[in-house]
Amino acid sequence: MPQLQTTKRLHLIAAALLTIAISILCLGGCSTGQPQSAQQDSPTSSQTVTVTDMLGRSVEVPAEAQRLIGIGSSSLRLVSYLQAADKVVGVEQSELKDNVTCSYRHVNHETFKSLPVIGDGGSKGTTPNEEAIMQAAPDVVFASIDKDAADALQERTGIPVVCLTLSNVVFDQTFYDNVNLVGSIVGKQERAADIVRYMEDARADLEKRTAGIPADQVKTAYAAGISFRGGHGFAGTEANFPPFQATNVKNVADVNGASGAFDIDLEAISSAQPDYVFVESGNLSLVKEDYEANPSYFSALKAVRNGKVNTLIAYRFYATNIELALANCYQVGATVYPAQFADVDPTQKLDEITEFFLGAKLSKDLAAEGCEFKQIDLASL
């Protein structure tokens, strides 16, 4: 009997302990408090960070912006390179025009045309529609505008405005800094690092192929039909032409301290007698007019006589399209130094580059608009 009572007491104690344990579990599980991870602010809610933009302004932005607007040239190009175009919530009117030589617009045309318009952009300027911007409710505005305009826009809309700057060359720290800045704000730091690495690998590749060419074997070339403030004929050229600089080609337009795009005296070209001539394919019709007006001038150029006239693809449309500029470097290298670029097909390289930057092979789309890499005969254009 005492043994039975002892057993019953043990059962009662065990039952009581079990009831207490269940009550504790119930209180924990039925509590209205959230798990720790849910209680923490997500990077897109209340957390902010302060960044220094490309004009040296300190701007407080969300830790990871989810809704973006781009104003001015290069803003949406950088967003597109960073694979963040799906976060864009408003575009300038100029971004709605599909143009394959403005590759990021071409690739994102269907996306952009469905978005509200927040300003004119393009040649009409970058004055934004502040009311439309506020209605779109972006987390941040990326803008290629000056400091005063950015400060005013930010003050009037209450939306952070991050200033970007333009780069006119192929390999440039400014471009890398812009990429890293935008990437840090939209949560694309790894993609930004990939872009910088890709460009630096390309720079090293071009240098490896061409840096060792003996001085007496360095070729000369002339870039014709270069667009600036509209189309230009044979006299339209550019000093310090990036595709020549990147491939160890001597530019015959680098004379008298010239810089940037300009119209050259044609006699300077006939005197220099470049080994190669390159023509922007978008301006072939203007070059054809020049040829027809003065065929004897062109027949006196050794590059024309020797069949060493080739095309490039215009790469400045709403500022520099880095992917097309880089592809032009390989077109120049493969044309001028075929032995050093024996393993490179410029059109295939174009597709590789555009696919990396924008997720699409664009050579066929470009060729459909007359923009392709090829050898040409000015007499039969």
Protein backbone atom coordinates (compact mmCIF):
# COMPACT_ATOMS: atom_id res chain seq x y z
CA MET A 1 0.00 0.00 0.00
CA PRO A 2 2.72 2.54 0.83
CA GLN A 3 4.36 1.60 -2.48
CA LEU A 4 1.13 2.36 -4.39
CA GLN A 5 0.74 5.73 -2.69
CA THR A 6 4.32 6.60 -3.56
CA THR A 7 3.70 5.70 -7.19
CA LYS A 8 0.55 7.85 -7.30
CA ARG A 9 2.45 10.81 -5.83
CA LEU A 10 5.13 10.45 -8.51
CA HIS A 11 2.49 10.40 -11.23
CA LEU A 12 0.87 13.55 -9.82
CA ILE A 13 4.22 15.35 -9.67
CA ALA A 14 5.02 14.34 -13.27
CA ALA A 15 1.61 15.55 -14.45
CA ALA A 16 2.07 18.87 -12.69
CA LEU A 17 5.49 19.36 -14.23
CA LEU A 18 4.11 18.53 -17.68
CA THR A 19 1.28 21.06 -17.22
CA ILE A 20 3.76 23.77 -16.24
CA ALA A 21 5.96 22.99 -19.26
CA ILE A 22 2.99 23.13 -21.64
CA SER A 23 1.87 26.46 -20.13
CA ILE A 24 5.32 27.94 -20.64
CA LEU A 25 5.42 26.76 -24.24
CA CYS A 26 1.94 28.10 -24.86
CA LEU A 27 2.78 31.49 -23.46
CA GLY A 28 5.84 31.70 -25.69
CA GLY A 29 4.09 30.46 -28.81
CA CYS A 30 0.90 32.48 -28.36
CA SER A 31 2.66 35.74 -27.59
CA THR A 32 1.86 38.64 -29.93
CA GLY A 33 5.56 39.52 -30.10
CA GLN A 34 7.29 38.96 -33.47
CA PRO A 35 10.38 36.80 -33.99
CA GLN A 36 13.60 38.76 -33.69
CA SER A 37 14.25 38.72 -37.42
CA ALA A 38 10.82 40.17 -38.16
CA GLN A 39 11.17 42.83 -35.48
CA GLN A 40 14.30 44.19 -37.09
CA ASP A 41 13.80 46.92 -39.66
CA SER A 42 14.31 45.60 -43.16
CA PRO A 43 16.94 47.42 -45.23
CA THR A 44 14.15 48.91 -47.32
CA SER A 45 12.01 50.29 -44.49
CA SER A 46 13.49 52.68 -41.94
CA GLN A 47 17.22 51.97 -42.18
CA THR A 48 19.20 54.65 -43.97
CA VAL A 49 22.81 55.29 -44.82
CA THR A 50 24.64 58.45 -45.82
CA VAL A 51 26.53 58.41 -49.10
CA THR A 52 28.75 60.95 -50.78
CA ASP A 53 27.64 61.47 -54.36
CA MET A 54 29.82 62.28 -57.36
CA LEU A 55 29.60 66.02 -56.67
CA GLY A 56 30.68 65.61 -53.06
CA ARG A 57 27.19 66.04 -51.58
CA SER A 58 26.24 64.03 -48.49
CA VAL A 59 22.89 62.37 -49.12
CA GLU A 60 20.86 60.18 -46.76
CA VAL A 61 19.32 57.30 -48.69
CA PRO A 62 17.56 54.01 -47.86
CA ALA A 63 19.99 51.21 -47.06
CA GLU A 64 18.72 49.40 -50.14
CA ALA A 65 16.55 51.48 -52.47
CA GLN A 66 13.76 49.59 -54.20
CA ARG A 67 12.13 52.38 -56.25
CA LEU A 68 14.32 54.45 -58.56
CA ILE A 69 14.14 57.34 -60.99
CA GLY A 70 16.96 58.48 -63.29
CA ILE A 71 17.32 62.03 -64.62
CA GLY A 72 19.74 63.09 -67.32
CA SER A 73 22.20 61.17 -69.44
CA SER A 74 23.84 58.04 -68.01
CA SER A 75 21.57 57.65 -64.96
CA LEU A 76 19.38 54.86 -66.31
CA ARG A 77 22.30 53.44 -68.29
CA LEU A 78 24.13 52.77 -65.03
CA VAL A 79 20.99 51.35 -63.43
CA SER A 80 20.62 49.03 -66.43
CA TYR A 81 24.23 47.87 -66.29
CA LEU A 82 23.63 47.02 -62.64
CA GLN A 83 20.61 44.86 -63.53
CA ALA A 84 18.27 47.12 -61.56
CA ALA A 85 16.00 48.40 -64.35
CA ASP A 86 13.09 46.53 -62.75
CA LYS A 87 13.27 49.03 -59.87
CA VAL A 88 12.66 52.07 -62.11
CA VAL A 89 9.28 53.72 -61.42
CA GLY A 90 9.40 56.70 -63.79
CA VAL A 91 11.31 57.84 -66.88
CA GLU A 92 12.00 60.95 -68.91
CA GLN A 93 10.14 61.34 -72.18
CA SER A 94 13.37 60.92 -74.12
CA GLU A 95 13.83 57.42 -72.67
CA LEU A 96 10.70 56.21 -74.48
CA LYS A 97 12.32 56.44 -77.91
CA ASP A 98 13.80 53.09 -78.90
CA ASN A 99 17.27 53.44 -80.42
CA VAL A 100 19.58 50.47 -80.69
CA THR A 101 22.72 52.63 -80.48
CA CYS A 102 21.44 53.75 -77.08
CA SER A 103 21.53 50.12 -76.09
CA TYR A 104 20.08 50.29 -72.58
CA ARG A 105 16.96 52.00 -73.98
CA HIS A 106 16.62 49.39 -76.69
CA VAL A 107 16.87 46.50 -74.24
CA ASN A 108 14.47 48.10 -71.74
CA HIS A 109 12.05 49.65 -74.22
CA GLU A 110 9.04 47.53 -73.25
CA THR A 111 9.64 48.22 -69.57
CA PHE A 112 10.26 51.94 -69.92
CA LYS A 113 7.25 52.66 -72.13
CA SER A 114 4.88 51.38 -69.44
CA LEU A 115 6.19 53.81 -66.81
CA PRO A 116 4.97 57.33 -65.97
CA VAL A 117 6.86 60.24 -67.51
CA ILE A 118 8.65 62.47 -65.01
CA GLY A 119 10.23 65.05 -67.35
CA ASP A 120 11.46 65.70 -70.89
CA GLY A 121 15.14 64.82 -70.78
CA GLY A 122 17.30 64.52 -73.87
CA SER A 123 17.97 67.61 -75.95
CA LYS A 124 15.11 69.42 -74.18
CA GLY A 125 17.06 69.43 -70.96
CA THR A 126 16.80 67.73 -67.62
CA THR A 127 14.21 69.91 -65.88
CA PRO A 128 12.07 67.34 -64.08
CA ASN A 129 8.35 67.37 -63.37
CA GLU A 130 8.49 67.51 -59.60
CA GLU A 131 4.83 66.64 -59.11
CA ALA A 132 5.18 63.56 -61.32
CA ILE A 133 8.28 62.50 -59.40
CA MET A 134 6.47 62.75 -56.07
CA GLN A 135 3.53 60.76 -57.44
CA ALA A 136 5.92 58.02 -58.59
CA ALA A 137 7.27 57.92 -55.01
CA PRO A 138 10.84 56.75 -55.64
CA ASP A 139 13.18 55.96 -52.78
CA VAL A 140 15.95 57.83 -54.56
CA VAL A 141 16.55 59.91 -57.69
CA PHE A 142 19.80 59.47 -59.62
CA ALA A 143 20.58 62.60 -61.60
CA SER A 144 23.22 63.94 -63.97
CA ILE A 145 22.57 67.54 -62.96
CA ASP A 146 24.52 70.23 -61.15
CA LYS A 147 24.69 70.64 -57.39
CA ASP A 148 22.29 73.57 -57.11
CA ALA A 149 19.64 71.85 -59.21
CA ALA A 150 20.02 68.67 -57.16
CA ASP A 151 19.71 70.52 -53.86
CA ALA A 152 16.61 72.34 -55.07
CA LEU A 153 14.95 69.17 -56.37
CA GLN A 154 15.67 67.31 -53.14
CA GLU A 155 14.34 70.15 -50.99
CA ARG A 156 11.12 70.57 -52.97
CA THR A 157 10.28 66.88 -53.30
CA GLY A 158 11.66 65.52 -50.05
CA ILE A 159 13.26 62.68 -52.03
CA PRO A 160 17.02 61.97 -51.88
CA VAL A 161 18.81 63.10 -55.05
CA VAL A 162 22.16 61.46 -55.80
CA CYS A 163 24.30 63.21 -58.41
CA LEU A 164 26.23 61.24 -61.02
CA THR A 165 28.88 62.45 -63.45
CA LEU A 166 29.64 61.62 -67.06
CA SER A 167 32.59 59.75 -68.52
CA ASN A 168 33.61 60.17 -72.15
CA VAL A 169 36.35 57.56 -72.32
CA VAL A 170 36.31 53.77 -72.26
CA PHE A 171 38.45 52.97 -69.24
CA ASP A 172 37.94 55.54 -66.54
CA GLN A 173 37.93 55.65 -62.75
CA THR A 174 35.00 58.07 -62.87
CA PHE A 175 32.89 55.40 -64.55
CA TYR A 176 33.92 52.87 -61.93
CA ASP A 177 33.09 55.29 -59.12
CA ASN A 178 29.63 55.93 -60.59
CA VAL A 179 29.00 52.20 -60.92
CA ASN A 180 30.06 51.51 -57.34
CA LEU A 181 28.01 54.41 -55.98
CA VAL A 182 24.78 53.36 -57.68
CA GLY A 183 25.45 49.71 -56.89
CA SER A 184 25.84 50.45 -53.18
CA ILE A 185 22.47 52.23 -53.09
CA VAL A 186 20.42 49.68 -55.03
CA GLY A 187 21.90 46.60 -53.36
CA LYS A 188 24.00 45.56 -56.36
CA GLN A 189 27.48 45.75 -54.89
CA GLU A 190 28.55 42.38 -56.30
CA ARG A 191 27.33 43.29 -59.77
CA ALA A 192 29.20 46.60 -59.55
CA ALA A 193 32.39 44.74 -58.67
CA ASP A 194 31.81 42.40 -61.62
CA ILE A 195 31.50 45.36 -64.00
CA VAL A 196 34.71 46.98 -62.80
CA ARG A 197 36.51 43.64 -62.99
CA TYR A 198 35.23 43.00 -66.52
CA MET A 199 36.43 46.39 -67.71
CA GLU A 200 39.83 46.04 -66.10
CA ASP A 201 40.23 42.57 -67.60
CA ALA A 202 39.40 44.02 -71.02
CA ARG A 203 41.88 46.84 -70.53
CA ALA A 204 44.59 44.34 -69.59
CA ASP A 205 43.71 42.14 -72.56
CA LEU A 206 43.96 45.01 -75.06
CA GLU A 207 47.21 46.20 -73.52
CA LYS A 208 48.71 42.71 -73.57
CA ARG A 209 47.90 42.35 -77.25
CA THR A 210 49.20 45.74 -78.39
CA ALA A 211 51.65 47.23 -75.89
CA GLY A 212 54.62 45.27 -77.21
CA ILE A 213 54.30 46.39 -80.83
CA PRO A 214 57.60 48.01 -81.92
CA ALA A 215 57.37 51.76 -82.49
CA ASP A 216 58.15 51.41 -86.19
CA GLN A 217 55.24 48.97 -86.59
CA VAL A 218 52.58 51.06 -84.84
CA LYS A 219 49.86 51.86 -87.36
CA THR A 220 48.19 55.20 -88.01
CA ALA A 221 44.47 55.71 -88.45
CA TYR A 222 41.78 58.32 -88.92
CA ALA A 223 38.26 58.21 -87.45
CA ALA A 224 35.72 59.82 -89.80
CA GLY A 225 32.03 60.59 -89.58
CA ILE A 226 32.16 61.01 -85.82
CA SER A 227 28.88 62.33 -84.46
CA PHE A 228 28.89 65.37 -82.20
CA ARG A 229 25.94 67.71 -81.96
CA GLY A 230 24.50 65.78 -84.89
CA GLY A 231 25.91 63.79 -87.79
CA HIS A 232 29.11 64.72 -89.62
CA GLY A 233 30.80 63.71 -92.84
CA PHE A 234 34.40 62.74 -93.49
CA ALA A 235 35.82 65.81 -91.71
CA GLY A 236 34.04 64.98 -88.44
CA THR A 237 36.66 63.36 -86.22
CA GLU A 238 37.93 63.16 -82.67
CA ALA A 239 41.30 63.80 -81.09
CA ASN A 240 42.34 61.40 -78.33
CA PHE A 241 39.91 58.88 -79.79
CA PRO A 242 39.45 56.21 -77.06
CA PRO A 243 39.37 53.11 -79.34
CA PHE A 244 42.71 54.18 -80.84
CA GLN A 245 44.22 54.97 -77.44
CA ALA A 246 43.20 51.56 -76.10
CA THR A 247 44.83 49.68 -78.98
CA ASN A 248 48.13 51.51 -79.51
CA VAL A 249 47.04 53.12 -82.78
CA LYS A 250 48.37 56.57 -83.66
CA ASN A 251 45.55 59.00 -84.36
CA VAL A 252 46.42 61.40 -87.18
CA ALA A 253 43.84 63.84 -85.76
CA ASP A 254 45.94 64.33 -82.62
CA VAL A 255 47.43 67.56 -83.90
CA ASN A 256 47.88 71.11 -82.65
CA GLY A 257 46.67 70.30 -79.16
CA ALA A 258 43.22 69.31 -80.38
CA SER A 259 40.88 67.52 -78.00
CA GLY A 260 37.48 65.96 -78.35
CA ALA A 261 35.35 65.95 -81.48
CA PHE A 262 35.83 68.58 -84.18
CA ASP A 263 35.86 69.14 -87.95
CA ILE A 264 39.40 68.76 -89.25
CA ASP A 265 40.98 70.38 -92.28
CA LEU A 266 40.86 67.59 -94.88
CA GLU A 267 44.28 68.56 -96.17
CA ALA A 268 45.70 67.46 -92.83
CA ILE A 269 44.40 63.95 -93.52
CA SER A 270 45.77 63.77 -97.05
CA SER A 271 49.13 64.98 -95.75
CA ALA A 272 49.19 62.43 -92.93
CA GLN A 273 48.16 59.50 -95.17
CA PRO A 274 46.82 57.22 -92.41
CA ASP A 275 47.25 53.47 -92.81
CA TYR A 276 43.58 52.92 -91.93
CA VAL A 277 40.35 54.88 -92.04
CA PHE A 278 37.38 54.10 -89.81
CA VAL A 279 33.92 55.54 -90.41
CA GLU A 280 30.99 55.60 -88.01
CA SER A 281 28.40 53.48 -89.79
CA GLY A 282 25.56 55.82 -88.86
CA ASN A 283 27.12 58.60 -90.94
CA LEU A 284 28.06 56.59 -94.04
CA SER A 285 25.52 58.50 -96.13
CA LEU A 286 27.22 61.80 -95.29
CA VAL A 287 30.65 60.36 -96.09
CA LYS A 288 29.25 59.06 -99.37
CA GLU A 289 28.13 62.60 -100.24
CA ASP A 290 31.65 63.85 -99.53
CA TYR A 291 33.12 61.13 -101.73
CA GLU A 292 30.80 61.89 -104.62
CA ALA A 293 31.60 65.60 -104.35
CA ASN A 294 35.37 65.03 -104.53
CA PRO A 295 36.33 61.47 -105.59
CA SER A 296 39.87 62.49 -106.54
CA TYR A 297 40.58 63.54 -102.95
CA PHE A 298 39.61 60.12 -101.64
CA SER A 299 41.39 58.16 -104.34
CA ALA A 300 44.59 59.92 -103.28
CA LEU A 301 44.33 58.47 -99.77
CA LYS A 302 46.39 55.29 -99.49
CA ALA A 303 43.95 53.74 -97.01
CA VAL A 304 41.19 54.07 -99.60
CA ARG A 305 43.38 52.73 -102.42
CA ASN A 306 44.51 49.78 -100.29
CA GLY A 307 41.01 48.81 -99.18
CA LYS A 308 41.68 49.65 -95.55
CA VAL A 309 38.45 51.49 -94.77
CA ASN A 310 36.26 49.93 -92.10
CA THR A 311 33.25 50.85 -90.01
CA LEU A 312 32.72 51.54 -86.34
CA ILE A 313 29.47 51.79 -84.40
CA ALA A 314 28.54 55.16 -82.93
CA TYR A 315 28.73 54.84 -79.17
CA ARG A 316 27.74 58.28 -77.93
CA PHE A 317 24.00 58.62 -77.66
CA TYR A 318 22.77 60.37 -74.53
CA ALA A 319 26.40 60.18 -73.37
CA THR A 320 28.79 57.26 -73.73
CA ASN A 321 27.49 53.73 -74.16
CA ILE A 322 30.45 51.92 -72.62
CA GLU A 323 29.55 48.53 -74.11
CA LEU A 324 29.63 49.86 -77.69
CA ALA A 325 32.79 51.86 -77.05
CA LEU A 326 34.53 48.74 -75.76
CA ALA A 327 33.36 46.71 -78.75
CA ASN A 328 34.83 49.38 -81.05
CA CYS A 329 38.20 48.88 -79.37
CA TYR A 330 38.20 45.24 -80.43
CA GLN A 331 37.06 46.17 -83.95
CA VAL A 332 39.99 48.58 -84.28
CA GLY A 333 42.47 46.11 -82.81
CA ALA A 334 41.34 43.19 -84.98
CA THR A 335 41.44 45.36 -88.11
CA VAL A 336 44.76 47.11 -87.57
CA TYR A 337 46.67 44.31 -85.83
CA PRO A 338 45.12 41.07 -87.14
CA ALA A 339 47.97 38.87 -85.90
CA GLN A 340 47.56 40.09 -82.33
CA PHE A 341 43.77 39.65 -82.50
CA ALA A 342 43.68 36.45 -84.53
CA ASP A 343 41.34 34.81 -82.02
CA VAL A 344 38.87 37.73 -81.97
CA ASP A 345 35.82 38.09 -84.19
CA PRO A 346 34.65 41.69 -83.58
CA THR A 347 30.97 40.90 -84.12
CA GLN A 348 31.07 37.95 -81.73
CA LYS A 349 32.94 40.14 -79.26
CA LEU A 350 30.23 42.77 -79.61
CA ASP A 351 27.62 40.19 -78.64
CA GLU A 352 29.69 38.99 -75.70
CA ILE A 353 30.07 42.53 -74.39
CA THR A 354 26.44 43.60 -74.80
CA GLU A 355 25.26 40.37 -73.22
CA PHE A 356 27.45 41.00 -70.19
CA PHE A 357 26.36 44.61 -69.75
CA LEU A 358 22.71 44.38 -70.77
CA GLY A 359 21.78 40.72 -70.95
CA ALA A 360 21.24 40.68 -74.72
CA LYS A 361 23.28 39.99 -77.84
CA LEU A 362 22.72 43.08 -79.97
CA SER A 363 24.80 42.61 -83.14
CA LYS A 364 21.79 41.57 -85.26
CA ASP A 365 19.62 44.41 -83.97
CA LEU A 366 22.42 46.88 -84.67
CA ALA A 367 23.06 45.47 -88.15
CA ALA A 368 19.36 45.81 -88.96
CA GLU A 369 19.80 49.56 -88.44
CA GLY A 370 22.97 49.69 -90.57
CA CYS A 371 25.33 49.66 -87.60
CA GLU A 372 27.86 46.87 -87.98
CA PHE A 373 31.56 46.10 -88.26
CA LYS A 374 32.68 45.61 -91.84
CA GLN A 375 35.14 46.63 -94.52
CA ILE A 376 33.72 49.13 -97.02
CA ASP A 377 34.50 50.59 -100.42
CA LEU A 378 33.66 54.28 -100.47
CA ALA A 379 33.20 54.18 -104.23
CA SER A 380 30.39 51.66 -104.00
CA LEU A 381 28.48 52.89 -100.96
